[in-house]
């Protein structure tokens, strides 16, 4: 019985490893986009404060 369960666990391992790798890759892309967005928002806030429009800058979510 051990010989029949070994190939299944190896196949499952391969599928899990592939899915984890895909998720990791997708998450890295999303994180990069989030970082770019945050940097852009900070730059806009600095520009607004420089133009004396700081009331438009809010730290509330």
C-alpha atoms as a PDB file:
ATOM      1  CA  UNK A   1       0.000   0.000   0.000  1.00  0.00           C
ATOM      2  CA  UNK A   2       2.922   2.343   0.642  1.00  0.00           C
ATOM      3  CA  UNK A   3       4.012   2.089  -2.985  1.00  0.00           C
ATOM      4  CA  UNK A   4       0.619   3.305  -4.249  1.00  0.00           C
ATOM      5  CA  UNK A   5       0.473   6.273  -1.882  1.00  0.00           C
ATOM      6  CA  UNK A   6       3.990   7.523  -2.670  1.00  0.00           C
ATOM      7  CA  UNK A   7       3.318   8.640  -6.262  1.00  0.00           C
ATOM      8  CA  UNK A   8       0.156  10.467  -5.188  1.00  0.00           C
ATOM      9  CA  UNK A   9       1.969  12.396  -2.484  1.00  0.00           C
ATOM     10  CA  UNK A  10       4.745  13.274  -4.938  1.00  0.00           C
ATOM     11  CA  UNK A  11       2.163  14.490  -7.447  1.00  0.00           C
ATOM     12  CA  UNK A  12       0.403  16.523  -4.772  1.00  0.00           C
ATOM     13  CA  UNK A  13       3.727  17.967  -3.664  1.00  0.00           C
ATOM     14  CA  UNK A  14       4.437  19.081  -7.218  1.00  0.00           C
ATOM     15  CA  UNK A  15       1.032  20.722  -7.600  1.00  0.00           C
ATOM     16  CA  UNK A  16       1.314  22.485  -4.250  1.00  0.00           C
ATOM     17  CA  UNK A  17       4.833  23.682  -5.055  1.00  0.00           C
ATOM     18  CA  UNK A  18       3.691  24.996  -8.434  1.00  0.00           C
ATOM     19  CA  UNK A  19       0.667  26.771  -6.940  1.00  0.00           C
ATOM     20  CA  UNK A  20       2.791  28.346  -4.195  1.00  0.00           C
ATOM     21  CA  UNK A  21       5.332  29.545  -6.742  1.00  0.00           C
ATOM     22  CA  UNK A  22       2.592  31.089  -8.889  1.00  0.00           C
ATOM     23  CA  UNK A  23       1.002  32.831  -5.902  1.00  0.00           C
ATOM     24  CA  UNK A  24       4.369  34.175  -4.785  1.00  0.00           C
ATOM     25  CA  UNK A  25       5.076  35.554  -8.244  1.00  0.00           C
ATOM     26  CA  UNK A  26       1.630  37.170  -8.466  1.00  0.00           C
ATOM     27  CA  UNK A  27       2.016  38.680  -4.998  1.00  0.00           C
ATOM     28  CA  UNK A  28       5.395  40.199  -5.880  1.00  0.00           C
ATOM     29  CA  UNK A  29       3.789  42.019  -8.820  1.00  0.00           C
ATOM     30  CA  UNK A  30       0.943  43.297  -6.650  1.00  0.00           C
ATOM     31  CA  UNK A  31       3.342  44.446  -3.917  1.00  0.00           C
ATOM     32  CA  UNK A  32       5.423  46.356  -6.468  1.00  0.00           C
ATOM     33  CA  UNK A  33       2.296  48.148  -7.707  1.00  0.00           C
ATOM     34  CA  UNK A  34       1.255  49.000  -4.142  1.00  0.00           C
ATOM     35  CA  UNK A  35       4.719  50.436  -3.436  1.00  0.00           C
ATOM     36  CA  UNK A  36       4.559  52.586  -6.592  1.00  0.00           C
ATOM     37  CA  UNK A  37       1.109  53.847  -5.620  1.00  0.00           C
ATOM     38  CA  UNK A  38       2.190  54.775  -2.090  1.00  0.00           C
ATOM     39  CA  UNK A  39       5.222  56.662  -3.415  1.00  0.00           C
ATOM     40  CA  UNK A  40       3.000  58.544  -5.862  1.00  0.00           C
ATOM     41  CA  UNK A  41       0.539  59.441  -3.084  1.00  0.00           C
ATOM     42  CA  UNK A  42       3.395  60.767  -0.927  1.00  0.00           C
ATOM     43  CA  UNK A  43       4.661  62.883  -3.825  1.00  0.00           C
ATOM     44  CA  UNK A  44       1.173  64.332  -4.365  1.00  0.00           C
ATOM     45  CA  UNK A  45       0.897  65.143  -0.646  1.00  0.00           C
ATOM     46  CA  UNK A  46       4.247  66.959  -0.729  1.00  0.00           C
ATOM     47  CA  UNK A  47       3.153  68.932  -3.806  1.00  0.00           C
ATOM     48  CA  UNK A  48      -0.136  69.922  -2.141  1.00  0.00           C
ATOM     49  CA  UNK A  49       1.655  71.057   1.002  1.00  0.00           C
ATOM     50  CA  UNK A  50       4.149  73.017  -1.085  1.00  0.00           C
ATOM     51  CA  UNK A  51       1.226  74.757  -2.830  1.00  0.00           C
ATOM     52  CA  UNK A  52      -0.277  75.614   0.592  1.00  0.00           C
ATOM     53  CA  UNK A  53      -3.194  73.245   0.077  1.00  0.00           C
ATOM     54  CA  UNK A  54      -2.401  71.061   3.059  1.00  0.00           C
ATOM     55  CA  UNK A  55      -6.094  70.851   4.026  1.00  0.00           C
ATOM     56  CA  UNK A  56      -6.456  68.466   1.081  1.00  0.00           C
ATOM     57  CA  UNK A  57      -3.823  66.183   2.638  1.00  0.00           C
ATOM     58  CA  UNK A  58      -5.334  63.831   5.190  1.00  0.00           C
ATOM     59  CA  UNK A  59      -3.883  60.896   7.051  1.00  0.00           C
ATOM     60  CA  UNK A  60      -7.359  59.386   7.589  1.00  0.00           C
ATOM     61  CA  UNK A  61      -8.097  56.230   5.676  1.00  0.00           C
END
